[in-house]
C-alpha atoms as a PDB file:
ATOM      1  CA  UNK A   1     -14.866  17.249 -13.756  1.00  0.00           C
ATOM      2  CA  UNK A   2     -17.373  17.124 -16.542  1.00  0.00           C
ATOM      3  CA  UNK A   3     -18.297  19.402 -18.783  1.00  0.00           C
ATOM      4  CA  UNK A   4     -21.716  20.753 -18.378  1.00  0.00           C
ATOM      5  CA  UNK A   5     -23.160  24.000 -20.141  1.00  0.00           C
ATOM      6  CA  UNK A   6     -26.022  26.101 -18.515  1.00  0.00           C
ATOM      7  CA  UNK A   7     -27.382  26.804 -21.450  1.00  0.00           C
ATOM      8  CA  UNK A   8     -28.831  23.678 -21.460  1.00  0.00           C
ATOM      9  CA  UNK A   9     -31.848  25.719 -18.903  1.00  0.00           C
ATOM     10  CA  UNK A  10     -32.093  28.177 -21.917  1.00  0.00           C
ATOM     11  CA  UNK A  11     -33.118  25.482 -23.887  1.00  0.00           C
ATOM     12  CA  UNK A  12     -35.166  23.721 -21.563  1.00  0.00           C
ATOM     13  CA  UNK A  13     -36.926  26.774 -21.616  1.00  0.00           C
ATOM     14  CA  UNK A  14     -37.761  28.007 -24.861  1.00  0.00           C
ATOM     15  CA  UNK A  15     -38.922  24.319 -25.250  1.00  0.00           C
ATOM     16  CA  UNK A  16     -41.532  25.328 -22.066  1.00  0.00           C
ATOM     17  CA  UNK A  17     -42.297  28.121 -23.646  1.00  0.00           C
ATOM     18  CA  UNK A  18     -43.667  27.060 -26.670  1.00  0.00           C
ATOM     19  CA  UNK A  19     -45.288  23.601 -25.421  1.00  0.00           C
ATOM     20  CA  UNK A  20     -46.570  25.983 -23.014  1.00  0.00           C
ATOM     21  CA  UNK A  21     -47.993  28.633 -25.295  1.00  0.00           C
ATOM     22  CA  UNK A  22     -49.542  25.231 -28.133  1.00  0.00           C
ATOM     23  CA  UNK A  23     -51.133  23.911 -24.325  1.00  0.00           C
ATOM     24  CA  UNK A  24     -52.826  27.156 -23.902  1.00  0.00           C
ATOM     25  CA  UNK A  25     -54.502  27.461 -27.417  1.00  0.00           C
ATOM     26  CA  UNK A  26     -55.148  23.829 -26.960  1.00  0.00           C
ATOM     27  CA  UNK A  27     -57.131  24.532 -23.707  1.00  0.00           C
ATOM     28  CA  UNK A  28     -58.600  27.528 -24.633  1.00  0.00           C
ATOM     29  CA  UNK A  29     -60.685  25.834 -27.963  1.00  0.00           C
ATOM     30  CA  UNK A  30     -61.442  23.330 -25.486  1.00  0.00           C
ATOM     31  CA  UNK A  31     -63.035  25.207 -22.499  1.00  0.00           C
ATOM     32  CA  UNK A  32     -64.332  28.696 -24.488  1.00  0.00           C
ATOM     33  CA  UNK A  33     -65.475  26.934 -28.096  1.00  0.00           C
ATOM     34  CA  UNK A  34     -62.651  29.068 -29.138  1.00  0.00           C
ATOM     35  CA  UNK A  35     -61.692  28.821 -33.051  1.00  0.00           C
ATOM     36  CA  UNK A  36     -59.478  26.748 -35.055  1.00  0.00           C
ATOM     37  CA  UNK A  37     -55.487  25.038 -33.186  1.00  0.00           C
ATOM     38  CA  UNK A  38     -53.408  27.154 -36.078  1.00  0.00           C
ATOM     39  CA  UNK A  39     -56.203  30.540 -35.894  1.00  0.00           C
ATOM     40  CA  UNK A  40     -55.129  30.200 -31.714  1.00  0.00           C
ATOM     41  CA  UNK A  41     -51.500  29.591 -31.744  1.00  0.00           C
ATOM     42  CA  UNK A  42     -51.030  32.155 -34.198  1.00  0.00           C
ATOM     43  CA  UNK A  43     -53.673  34.889 -34.066  1.00  0.00           C
ATOM     44  CA  UNK A  44     -54.861  35.094 -30.152  1.00  0.00           C
ATOM     45  CA  UNK A  45     -57.094  37.384 -28.376  1.00  0.00           C
ATOM     46  CA  UNK A  46     -55.082  40.508 -27.235  1.00  0.00           C
ATOM     47  CA  UNK A  47     -55.742  39.750 -23.537  1.00  0.00           C
ATOM     48  CA  UNK A  48     -54.787  35.844 -24.933  1.00  0.00           C
ATOM     49  CA  UNK A  49     -51.427  37.270 -26.283  1.00  0.00           C
ATOM     50  CA  UNK A  50     -50.472  39.164 -22.717  1.00  0.00           C
ATOM     51  CA  UNK A  51     -51.173  36.340 -20.772  1.00  0.00           C
ATOM     52  CA  UNK A  52     -49.451  33.470 -22.845  1.00  0.00           C
ATOM     53  CA  UNK A  53     -46.348  36.499 -23.173  1.00  0.00           C
ATOM     54  CA  UNK A  54     -45.916  37.303 -19.556  1.00  0.00           C
ATOM     55  CA  UNK A  55     -46.347  33.472 -18.433  1.00  0.00           C
ATOM     56  CA  UNK A  56     -43.298  33.047 -21.168  1.00  0.00           C
ATOM     57  CA  UNK A  57     -41.555  35.784 -19.696  1.00  0.00           C
ATOM     58  CA  UNK A  58     -41.526  34.490 -16.428  1.00  0.00           C
ATOM     59  CA  UNK A  59     -40.440  31.157 -17.794  1.00  0.00           C
ATOM     60  CA  UNK A  60     -37.719  32.395 -19.473  1.00  0.00           C
ATOM     61  CA  UNK A  61     -36.686  34.720 -16.337  1.00  0.00           C
ATOM     62  CA  UNK A  62     -36.793  30.826 -13.846  1.00  0.00           C
ATOM     63  CA  UNK A  63     -34.300  29.532 -16.994  1.00  0.00           C
ATOM     64  CA  UNK A  64     -31.585  31.954 -16.539  1.00  0.00           C
ATOM     65  CA  UNK A  65     -31.189  32.009 -13.075  1.00  0.00           C
ATOM     66  CA  UNK A  66     -32.090  28.475 -13.598  1.00  0.00           C
ATOM     67  CA  UNK A  67     -28.571  28.605 -15.356  1.00  0.00           C
ATOM     68  CA  UNK A  68     -26.747  31.539 -13.404  1.00  0.00           C
ATOM     69  CA  UNK A  69     -27.226  29.273 -10.467  1.00  0.00           C
ATOM     70  CA  UNK A  70     -25.969  26.631 -12.083  1.00  0.00           C
ATOM     71  CA  UNK A  71     -22.849  27.912 -13.373  1.00  0.00           C
ATOM     72  CA  UNK A  72     -22.399  28.411 -10.336  1.00  0.00           C
ATOM     73  CA  UNK A  73     -22.529  26.028  -8.630  1.00  0.00           C
ATOM     74  CA  UNK A  74     -20.073  24.044 -11.102  1.00  0.00           C
ATOM     75  CA  UNK A  75     -17.958  26.730 -11.137  1.00  0.00           C
ATOM     76  CA  UNK A  76     -17.354  25.960  -7.087  1.00  0.00           C
ATOM     77  CA  UNK A  77     -17.135  22.462  -8.160  1.00  0.00           C
ATOM     78  CA  UNK A  78     -14.057  23.326 -10.198  1.00  0.00           C
ATOM     79  CA  UNK A  79     -12.268  25.290  -7.980  1.00  0.00           C
ATOM     80  CA  UNK A  80     -12.977  22.330  -5.265  1.00  0.00           C
ATOM     81  CA  UNK A  81     -11.604  19.881  -7.328  1.00  0.00           C
ATOM     82  CA  UNK A  82      -8.493  22.124  -8.667  1.00  0.00           C
ATOM     83  CA  UNK A  83      -8.095  22.021  -4.810  1.00  0.00           C
ATOM     84  CA  UNK A  84      -8.122  18.488  -4.231  1.00  0.00           C
ATOM     85  CA  UNK A  85      -6.389  17.318  -7.063  1.00  0.00           C
ATOM     86  CA  UNK A  86      -3.591  19.671  -6.133  1.00  0.00           C
ATOM     87  CA  UNK A  87      -4.063  18.308  -2.735  1.00  0.00           C
ATOM     88  CA  UNK A  88      -3.652  14.724  -4.525  1.00  0.00           C
ATOM     89  CA  UNK A  89      -1.158  15.132  -7.049  1.00  0.00           C
ATOM     90  CA  UNK A  90       1.028  16.654  -3.665  1.00  0.00           C
ATOM     91  CA  UNK A  91       0.200  13.603  -1.989  1.00  0.00           C
ATOM     92  CA  UNK A  92       1.729  11.594  -4.602  1.00  0.00           C
ATOM     93  CA  UNK A  93       4.744  13.683  -5.366  1.00  0.00           C
ATOM     94  CA  UNK A  94       5.062  13.440  -1.952  1.00  0.00           C
ATOM     95  CA  UNK A  95       5.682   9.890  -1.821  1.00  0.00           C
ATOM     96  CA  UNK A  96       7.886   9.332  -4.729  1.00  0.00           C
ATOM     97  CA  UNK A  97       9.859  11.753  -7.057  1.00  0.00           C
ATOM     98  CA  UNK A  98       9.922   9.305  -9.885  1.00  0.00           C
ATOM     99  CA  UNK A  99       9.578  10.966 -12.780  1.00  0.00           C
ATOM    100  CA  UNK A 100       7.613   8.100 -14.541  1.00  0.00           C
ATOM    101  CA  UNK A 101       4.978   8.040 -11.677  1.00  0.00           C
ATOM    102  CA  UNK A 102       4.797  12.040 -11.374  1.00  0.00           C
ATOM    103  CA  UNK A 103       3.726  12.028 -14.978  1.00  0.00           C
ATOM    104  CA  UNK A 104       1.093   9.552 -14.921  1.00  0.00           C
ATOM    105  CA  UNK A 105      -0.352  11.206 -11.631  1.00  0.00           C
ATOM    106  CA  UNK A 106      -0.445  15.138 -13.476  1.00  0.00           C
ATOM    107  CA  UNK A 107      -1.848  13.515 -16.460  1.00  0.00           C
ATOM    108  CA  UNK A 108      -4.737  12.127 -14.492  1.00  0.00           C
ATOM    109  CA  UNK A 109      -5.552  14.711 -12.469  1.00  0.00           C
ATOM    110  CA  UNK A 110      -5.725  16.572 -16.714  1.00  0.00           C
ATOM    111  CA  UNK A 111      -8.009  13.788 -18.007  1.00  0.00           C
ATOM    112  CA  UNK A 112     -10.286  13.923 -14.770  1.00  0.00           C
ATOM    113  CA  UNK A 113     -10.516  16.953 -13.851  1.00  0.00           C
ATOM    114  CA  UNK A 114     -11.159  18.433 -17.795  1.00  0.00           C
ATOM    115  CA  UNK A 115     -13.639  15.771 -18.685  1.00  0.00           C
ATOM    116  CA  UNK A 116     -11.046  14.623 -21.608  1.00  0.00           C
ATOM    117  CA  UNK A 117     -10.773  11.451 -22.592  1.00  0.00           C
ATOM    118  CA  UNK A 118      -6.478  11.573 -23.664  1.00  0.00           C
ATOM    119  CA  UNK A 119      -3.552  13.685 -23.977  1.00  0.00           C
ATOM    120  CA  UNK A 120       0.633  13.741 -23.690  1.00  0.00           C
ATOM    121  CA  UNK A 121       3.637  15.735 -22.029  1.00  0.00           C
ATOM    122  CA  UNK A 122       6.748  17.024 -24.081  1.00  0.00           C
ATOM    123  CA  UNK A 123       9.269  18.895 -22.652  1.00  0.00           C
ATOM    124  CA  UNK A 124      11.139  21.544 -23.701  1.00  0.00           C
ATOM    125  CA  UNK A 125      15.157  21.194 -24.865  1.00  0.00           C
ATOM    126  CA  UNK A 126      16.147  24.590 -23.047  1.00  0.00           C
ATOM    127  CA  UNK A 127      18.802  24.568 -25.472  1.00  0.00           C
ATOM    128  CA  UNK A 128      17.575  23.442 -28.706  1.00  0.00           C
ATOM    129  CA  UNK A 129      13.686  23.994 -27.878  1.00  0.00           C
ATOM    130  CA  UNK A 130      12.261  20.898 -29.436  1.00  0.00           C
ATOM    131  CA  UNK A 131       9.682  19.683 -27.776  1.00  0.00           C
ATOM    132  CA  UNK A 132       9.761  15.472 -27.417  1.00  0.00           C
ATOM    133  CA  UNK A 133       7.212  13.040 -26.015  1.00  0.00           C
ATOM    134  CA  UNK A 134       7.367  12.126 -22.872  1.00  0.00           C
ATOM    135  CA  UNK A 135       4.035  11.116 -21.581  1.00  0.00           C
ATOM    136  CA  UNK A 136       0.978   9.420 -23.267  1.00  0.00           C
ATOM    137  CA  UNK A 137      -2.197   8.195 -22.236  1.00  0.00           C
ATOM    138  CA  UNK A 138      -5.305   7.154 -23.774  1.00  0.00           C
ATOM    139  CA  UNK A 139      -3.299   7.938 -27.727  1.00  0.00           C
ATOM    140  CA  UNK A 140      -2.750   4.874 -31.059  1.00  0.00           C
ATOM    141  CA  UNK A 141       0.612   3.695 -31.053  1.00  0.00           C
ATOM    142  CA  UNK A 142       0.217   5.083 -34.522  1.00  0.00           C
ATOM    143  CA  UNK A 143      -0.398   8.540 -33.286  1.00  0.00           C
ATOM    144  CA  UNK A 144       2.114   9.065 -31.425  1.00  0.00           C
ATOM    145  CA  UNK A 145       4.994   7.951 -33.422  1.00  0.00           C
ATOM    146  CA  UNK A 146       3.660  10.373 -35.954  1.00  0.00           C
ATOM    147  CA  UNK A 147       3.692  13.391 -32.505  1.00  0.00           C
ATOM    148  CA  UNK A 148       6.626  12.301 -30.792  1.00  0.00           C
ATOM    149  CA  UNK A 149       8.507  15.429 -32.112  1.00  0.00           C
ATOM    150  CA  UNK A 150       8.355  18.966 -33.252  1.00  0.00           C
ATOM    151  CA  UNK A 151      12.109  20.463 -33.808  1.00  0.00           C
ATOM    152  CA  UNK A 152      12.385  23.903 -32.294  1.00  0.00           C
ATOM    153  CA  UNK A 153      11.377  25.918 -36.000  1.00  0.00           C
ATOM    154  CA  UNK A 154       8.202  24.018 -36.613  1.00  0.00           C
ATOM    155  CA  UNK A 155       4.606  26.364 -36.322  1.00  0.00           C
ATOM    156  CA  UNK A 156       3.615  24.301 -33.496  1.00  0.00           C
ATOM    157  CA  UNK A 157       6.287  25.357 -31.432  1.00  0.00           C
ATOM    158  CA  UNK A 158       5.345  29.079 -32.334  1.00  0.00           C
ATOM    159  CA  UNK A 159       2.500  28.761 -31.716  1.00  0.00           C
ATOM    160  CA  UNK A 160       3.291  27.726 -27.921  1.00  0.00           C
ATOM    161  CA  UNK A 161       6.630  29.514 -27.111  1.00  0.00           C
ATOM    162  CA  UNK A 162       4.781  32.828 -28.042  1.00  0.00           C
ATOM    163  CA  UNK A 163       1.260  32.469 -28.402  1.00  0.00           C
ATOM    164  CA  UNK A 164       0.672  30.504 -25.266  1.00  0.00           C
ATOM    165  CA  UNK A 165      -2.345  28.450 -25.068  1.00  0.00           C
ATOM    166  CA  UNK A 166      -3.957  27.085 -27.941  1.00  0.00           C
ATOM    167  CA  UNK A 167      -7.261  24.762 -28.236  1.00  0.00           C
ATOM    168  CA  UNK A 168      -8.519  23.163 -31.822  1.00  0.00           C
ATOM    169  CA  UNK A 169     -12.349  21.909 -32.889  1.00  0.00           C
ATOM    170  CA  UNK A 170     -12.418  18.852 -35.137  1.00  0.00           C
ATOM    171  CA  UNK A 171     -11.979  21.148 -38.380  1.00  0.00           C
ATOM    172  CA  UNK A 172      -8.963  22.890 -37.230  1.00  0.00           C
ATOM    173  CA  UNK A 173      -7.109  19.147 -36.634  1.00  0.00           C
ATOM    174  CA  UNK A 174      -7.679  17.978 -39.761  1.00  0.00           C
ATOM    175  CA  UNK A 175      -6.716  20.695 -41.070  1.00  0.00           C
ATOM    176  CA  UNK A 176      -2.654  20.269 -39.079  1.00  0.00           C
ATOM    177  CA  UNK A 177      -3.038  17.074 -39.027  1.00  0.00           C
ATOM    178  CA  UNK A 178      -0.983  14.514 -40.789  1.00  0.00           C
ATOM    179  CA  UNK A 179      -2.516  11.931 -42.270  1.00  0.00           C
ATOM    180  CA  UNK A 180      -1.789   9.368 -39.819  1.00  0.00           C
ATOM    181  CA  UNK A 181      -2.898  11.770 -36.786  1.00  0.00           C
ATOM    182  CA  UNK A 182      -6.387  12.327 -38.670  1.00  0.00           C
ATOM    183  CA  UNK A 183      -6.499   8.580 -38.340  1.00  0.00           C
ATOM    184  CA  UNK A 184      -6.979   9.423 -34.361  1.00  0.00           C
ATOM    185  CA  UNK A 185     -10.530  10.686 -35.255  1.00  0.00           C
ATOM    186  CA  UNK A 186      -9.800  13.205 -31.894  1.00  0.00           C
ATOM    187  CA  UNK A 187     -12.645  15.699 -31.596  1.00  0.00           C
ATOM    188  CA  UNK A 188     -10.969  18.591 -30.063  1.00  0.00           C
ATOM    189  CA  UNK A 189      -7.517  19.637 -28.287  1.00  0.00           C
ATOM    190  CA  UNK A 190      -6.108  21.146 -26.117  1.00  0.00           C
ATOM    191  CA  UNK A 191      -2.122  22.376 -26.416  1.00  0.00           C
ATOM    192  CA  UNK A 192      -1.028  24.486 -23.002  1.00  0.00           C
ATOM    193  CA  UNK A 193       1.999  25.441 -21.674  1.00  0.00           C
ATOM    194  CA  UNK A 194       4.253  24.342 -18.364  1.00  0.00           C
ATOM    195  CA  UNK A 195       5.642  27.371 -16.796  1.00  0.00           C
ATOM    196  CA  UNK A 196       8.387  26.632 -13.735  1.00  0.00           C
ATOM    197  CA  UNK A 197      10.117  29.765 -13.055  1.00  0.00           C
ATOM    198  CA  UNK A 198       9.089  32.049 -16.007  1.00  0.00           C
ATOM    199  CA  UNK A 199      10.079  29.295 -18.528  1.00  0.00           C
ATOM    200  CA  UNK A 200       8.852  27.042 -20.454  1.00  0.00           C
ATOM    201  CA  UNK A 201       9.449  23.621 -19.381  1.00  0.00           C
ATOM    202  CA  UNK A 202       6.617  21.630 -21.067  1.00  0.00           C
ATOM    203  CA  UNK A 203       3.993  21.569 -22.774  1.00  0.00           C
ATOM    204  CA  UNK A 204       0.016  19.432 -21.943  1.00  0.00           C
ATOM    205  CA  UNK A 205      -1.738  18.345 -24.634  1.00  0.00           C
ATOM    206  CA  UNK A 206      -5.545  16.932 -23.832  1.00  0.00           C
ATOM    207  CA  UNK A 207      -7.427  16.046 -25.672  1.00  0.00           C
ATOM    208  CA  UNK A 208     -10.441  13.941 -26.545  1.00  0.00           C
ATOM    209  CA  UNK A 209     -12.250  11.434 -29.401  1.00  0.00           C
ATOM    210  CA  UNK A 210     -15.746  12.742 -28.188  1.00  0.00           C
ATOM    211  CA  UNK A 211     -16.207  16.537 -26.966  1.00  0.00           C
ATOM    212  CA  UNK A 212     -16.345  18.655 -30.507  1.00  0.00           C
ATOM    213  CA  UNK A 213     -15.517  21.725 -28.625  1.00  0.00           C
ATOM    214  CA  UNK A 214     -13.963  22.801 -25.368  1.00  0.00           C
ATOM    215  CA  UNK A 215     -15.786  25.008 -23.198  1.00  0.00           C
ATOM    216  CA  UNK A 216     -13.841  28.298 -21.313  1.00  0.00           C
ATOM    217  CA  UNK A 217     -15.428  26.606 -18.238  1.00  0.00           C
ATOM    218  CA  UNK A 218     -12.932  23.129 -19.374  1.00  0.00           C
ATOM    219  CA  UNK A 219     -10.307  25.718 -20.935  1.00  0.00           C
ATOM    220  CA  UNK A 220      -9.825  27.599 -17.254  1.00  0.00           C
ATOM    221  CA  UNK A 221      -9.798  23.975 -15.515  1.00  0.00           C
ATOM    222  CA  UNK A 222      -6.938  22.083 -17.399  1.00  0.00           C
ATOM    223  CA  UNK A 223      -4.904  25.260 -17.470  1.00  0.00           C
ATOM    224  CA  UNK A 224      -5.050  25.754 -14.151  1.00  0.00           C
ATOM    225  CA  UNK A 225      -3.700  21.972 -13.721  1.00  0.00           C
ATOM    226  CA  UNK A 226      -1.312  22.584 -15.940  1.00  0.00           C
ATOM    227  CA  UNK A 227       0.263  26.559 -13.812  1.00  0.00           C
ATOM    228  CA  UNK A 228       0.284  23.431 -10.818  1.00  0.00           C
ATOM    229  CA  UNK A 229       2.004  20.761 -12.022  1.00  0.00           C
ATOM    230  CA  UNK A 230       4.911  23.123 -13.453  1.00  0.00           C
ATOM    231  CA  UNK A 231       7.456  23.130 -10.489  1.00  0.00           C
ATOM    232  CA  UNK A 232       6.512  19.542  -9.672  1.00  0.00           C
ATOM    233  CA  UNK A 233       7.266  18.867 -13.393  1.00  0.00           C
ATOM    234  CA  UNK A 234      10.590  20.047 -12.940  1.00  0.00           C
ATOM    235  CA  UNK A 235      11.849  18.866  -9.432  1.00  0.00           C
ATOM    236  CA  UNK A 236      11.004  15.402 -11.260  1.00  0.00           C
ATOM    237  CA  UNK A 237      12.700  15.967 -13.918  1.00  0.00           C
ATOM    238  CA  UNK A 238      15.854  17.314 -11.871  1.00  0.00           C
ATOM    239  CA  UNK A 239      15.747  14.649  -9.770  1.00  0.00           C
ATOM    240  CA  UNK A 240      15.366  12.261 -13.123  1.00  0.00           C
ATOM    241  CA  UNK A 241      18.373  14.188 -14.531  1.00  0.00           C
ATOM    242  CA  UNK A 242      20.390  13.665 -11.335  1.00  0.00           C
ATOM    243  CA  UNK A 243      20.001   9.794 -11.106  1.00  0.00           C
ATOM    244  CA  UNK A 244      20.643   9.351 -14.705  1.00  0.00           C
ATOM    245  CA  UNK A 245      24.252  11.426 -14.213  1.00  0.00           C
ATOM    246  CA  UNK A 246      24.968   9.184 -11.434  1.00  0.00           C
ATOM    247  CA  UNK A 247      24.505   6.075 -13.656  1.00  0.00           C
ATOM    248  CA  UNK A 248      26.672   7.520 -15.991  1.00  0.00           C
ATOM    249  CA  UNK A 249      29.291   8.343 -13.347  1.00  0.00           C
ATOM    250  CA  UNK A 250      29.300   5.626 -11.787  1.00  0.00           C
ATOM    251  CA  UNK A 251      29.724   3.686 -15.178  1.00  0.00           C
ATOM    252  CA  UNK A 252      32.632   5.106 -15.477  1.00  0.00           C
ATOM    253  CA  UNK A 253      34.336   5.089 -11.696  1.00  0.00           C
ATOM    254  CA  UNK A 254      33.508   1.199 -12.236  1.00  0.00           C
ATOM    255  CA  UNK A 255      35.507   0.504 -15.409  1.00  0.00           C
ATOM    256  CA  UNK A 256      38.487   2.592 -14.905  1.00  0.00           C
ATOM    257  CA  UNK A 257      41.346   1.644 -14.111  1.00  0.00           C
ATOM    258  CA  UNK A 258      42.980   3.398 -11.419  1.00  0.00           C
ATOM    259  CA  UNK A 259      41.464   2.800  -8.005  1.00  0.00           C
ATOM    260  CA  UNK A 260      39.028   5.119  -6.965  1.00  0.00           C
ATOM    261  CA  UNK A 261      37.387   5.606  -3.173  1.00  0.00           C
ATOM    262  CA  UNK A 262      35.210   8.012  -0.882  1.00  0.00           C
ATOM    263  CA  UNK A 263      35.456   9.065   2.710  1.00  0.00           C
ATOM    264  CA  UNK A 264      33.860  10.763   4.877  1.00  0.00           C
ATOM    265  CA  UNK A 265      35.168  13.087   7.208  1.00  0.00           C
ATOM    266  CA  UNK A 266      36.203   9.920   9.990  1.00  0.00           C
ATOM    267  CA  UNK A 267      38.494   8.917   7.092  1.00  0.00           C
ATOM    268  CA  UNK A 268      35.581   6.063   6.953  1.00  0.00           C
ATOM    269  CA  UNK A 269      35.774   4.670   3.855  1.00  0.00           C
ATOM    270  CA  UNK A 270      32.241   5.280   1.887  1.00  0.00           C
ATOM    271  CA  UNK A 271      32.602   3.423  -2.030  1.00  0.00           C
ATOM    272  CA  UNK A 272      35.366   1.857  -3.889  1.00  0.00           C
ATOM    273  CA  UNK A 273      35.184   0.560  -7.348  1.00  0.00           C
ATOM    274  CA  UNK A 274      36.713  -2.717  -8.033  1.00  0.00           C
ATOM    275  CA  UNK A 275      39.759  -1.796  -9.260  1.00  0.00           C
ATOM    276  CA  UNK A 276      40.309  -0.438  -5.432  1.00  0.00           C
ATOM    277  CA  UNK A 277      39.401  -4.003  -3.735  1.00  0.00           C
ATOM    278  CA  UNK A 278      42.428  -5.333  -6.787  1.00  0.00           C
ATOM    279  CA  UNK A 279      45.055  -3.184  -5.109  1.00  0.00           C
ATOM    280  CA  UNK A 280      44.034  -3.313  -1.822  1.00  0.00           C
ATOM    281  CA  UNK A 281      42.990  -7.407  -2.177  1.00  0.00           C
ATOM    282  CA  UNK A 282      40.421  -7.207   0.253  1.00  0.00           C
ATOM    283  CA  UNK A 283      35.930  -8.192  -0.534  1.00  0.00           C
ATOM    284  CA  UNK A 284      33.951  -4.529  -0.962  1.00  0.00           C
ATOM    285  CA  UNK A 285      32.135  -5.720   2.078  1.00  0.00           C
ATOM    286  CA  UNK A 286      34.986  -5.109   3.979  1.00  0.00           C
ATOM    287  CA  UNK A 287      36.391  -2.270   3.022  1.00  0.00           C
ATOM    288  CA  UNK A 288      33.385  -0.394   3.464  1.00  0.00           C
ATOM    289  CA  UNK A 289      33.012   1.605   6.338  1.00  0.00           C
ATOM    290  CA  UNK A 290      36.432   0.080   6.828  1.00  0.00           C
ATOM    291  CA  UNK A 291      38.911   3.228   7.975  1.00  0.00           C
ATOM    292  CA  UNK A 292      41.467   4.159   5.461  1.00  0.00           C
ATOM    293  CA  UNK A 293      44.065   5.232   6.782  1.00  0.00           C
ATOM    294  CA  UNK A 294      44.585   1.857   8.508  1.00  0.00           C
ATOM    295  CA  UNK A 295      46.219   0.764   5.308  1.00  0.00           C
ATOM    296  CA  UNK A 296      48.299   3.422   4.986  1.00  0.00           C
ATOM    297  CA  UNK A 297      51.570   2.466   6.288  1.00  0.00           C
ATOM    298  CA  UNK A 298      53.279   5.337   8.836  1.00  0.00           C
ATOM    299  CA  UNK A 299      55.051   7.811   7.110  1.00  0.00           C
ATOM    300  CA  UNK A 300      52.377   7.781   4.434  1.00  0.00           C
ATOM    301  CA  UNK A 301      49.562   7.979   7.306  1.00  0.00           C
ATOM    302  CA  UNK A 302      50.578  11.576   8.449  1.00  0.00           C
ATOM    303  CA  UNK A 303      50.696  12.527   4.721  1.00  0.00           C
ATOM    304  CA  UNK A 304      47.688  11.758   3.938  1.00  0.00           C
ATOM    305  CA  UNK A 305      45.647  13.153   6.836  1.00  0.00           C
ATOM    306  CA  UNK A 306      47.530  16.236   7.546  1.00  0.00           C
ATOM    307  CA  UNK A 307      46.919  17.060   3.576  1.00  0.00           C
ATOM    308  CA  UNK A 308      42.896  16.248   3.910  1.00  0.00           C
ATOM    309  CA  UNK A 309      42.477  17.956   6.959  1.00  0.00           C
ATOM    310  CA  UNK A 310      44.031  21.031   4.895  1.00  0.00           C
ATOM    311  CA  UNK A 311      41.697  19.725   1.335  1.00  0.00           C
ATOM    312  CA  UNK A 312      39.433  19.714   3.627  1.00  0.00           C
ATOM    313  CA  UNK A 313      39.162  23.401   5.112  1.00  0.00           C
ATOM    314  CA  UNK A 314      39.684  24.859   1.615  1.00  0.00           C
ATOM    315  CA  UNK A 315      43.379  25.473   1.290  1.00  0.00           C
ATOM    316  CA  UNK A 316      45.563  24.858  -1.738  1.00  0.00           C
ATOM    317  CA  UNK A 317      47.749  21.353  -0.971  1.00  0.00           C
ATOM    318  CA  UNK A 318      48.796  19.140  -4.005  1.00  0.00           C
ATOM    319  CA  UNK A 319      46.973  16.924  -5.509  1.00  0.00           C
ATOM    320  CA  UNK A 320      48.759  14.170  -6.635  1.00  0.00           C
ATOM    321  CA  UNK A 321      51.358  12.241  -4.120  1.00  0.00           C
ATOM    322  CA  UNK A 322      52.447   8.494  -3.545  1.00  0.00           C
ATOM    323  CA  UNK A 323      52.327   6.610  -0.079  1.00  0.00           C
ATOM    324  CA  UNK A 324      52.290   2.625   0.007  1.00  0.00           C
ATOM    325  CA  UNK A 325      49.686   0.534   1.436  1.00  0.00           C
ATOM    326  CA  UNK A 326      49.074  -2.715   3.202  1.00  0.00           C
ATOM    327  CA  UNK A 327      47.516  -5.079   1.584  1.00  0.00           C
ATOM    328  CA  UNK A 328      45.810  -8.120   2.979  1.00  0.00           C
END
């Protein structure tokens, strides 16, 4: 959605009115043999003056109504774009919860609906309150390096956490940017908090190298996108954190000096680490799906099955006990 200003219709109406006044003066001289052009422009007859005023009033009224009609059309178009982009985001995220894909989809949506050309997304650390840049598009590496992190006690953080959305033109940016950031030559910037479940989880920065101002229409569109993507980003972020946690856990388990396995309710082995394979002298592929009670001797098998069932039922049973197993 490109930002388009309906005030252009008013400007066209004013220019048309001026041209009409001059043209009417010239026609009056040609056909009615009036006095000089300047005299006709600045001192027309009383009847001629009011006729021109009436026509100009009609032109301006028509321009005003054209502006209102245009703005109404643009407003409905913006609403349609928001709905379409929300649907597109839902489709893309439904296909993949990968955090990078999610952030890319959200950034593309913000750029498309605002008509801006670059931006970034910061994650808010829930413990420290620091802002860390996790995704960016259309920005130089030098600018990114100068903008990648803001501590909790920085002025930028306080403005967002307590002041809500912020918008800057080029002059305002030059007053707050560092020298490295100024080299990016951004003309305008919007900084909008992204909320999920009543808390700020991220911050959307959307900027332009061309547009000198961010109109109210574009601001509404940007804030609409931020409102739509909050839960999406939060879901993808949690999924990514879970994946990273599982990777760390798997690394610990794989490198453990103890044999570790996971079984399902049918006593089938669903996971074994390398140490357990070494103890049993089986390959991993041989153990996966295998009934783990089959490798336990008779007396130990009864103890293990009994305690497994009781533990599954929620009873308090010993966590450590010994039994013999059969090797391959």
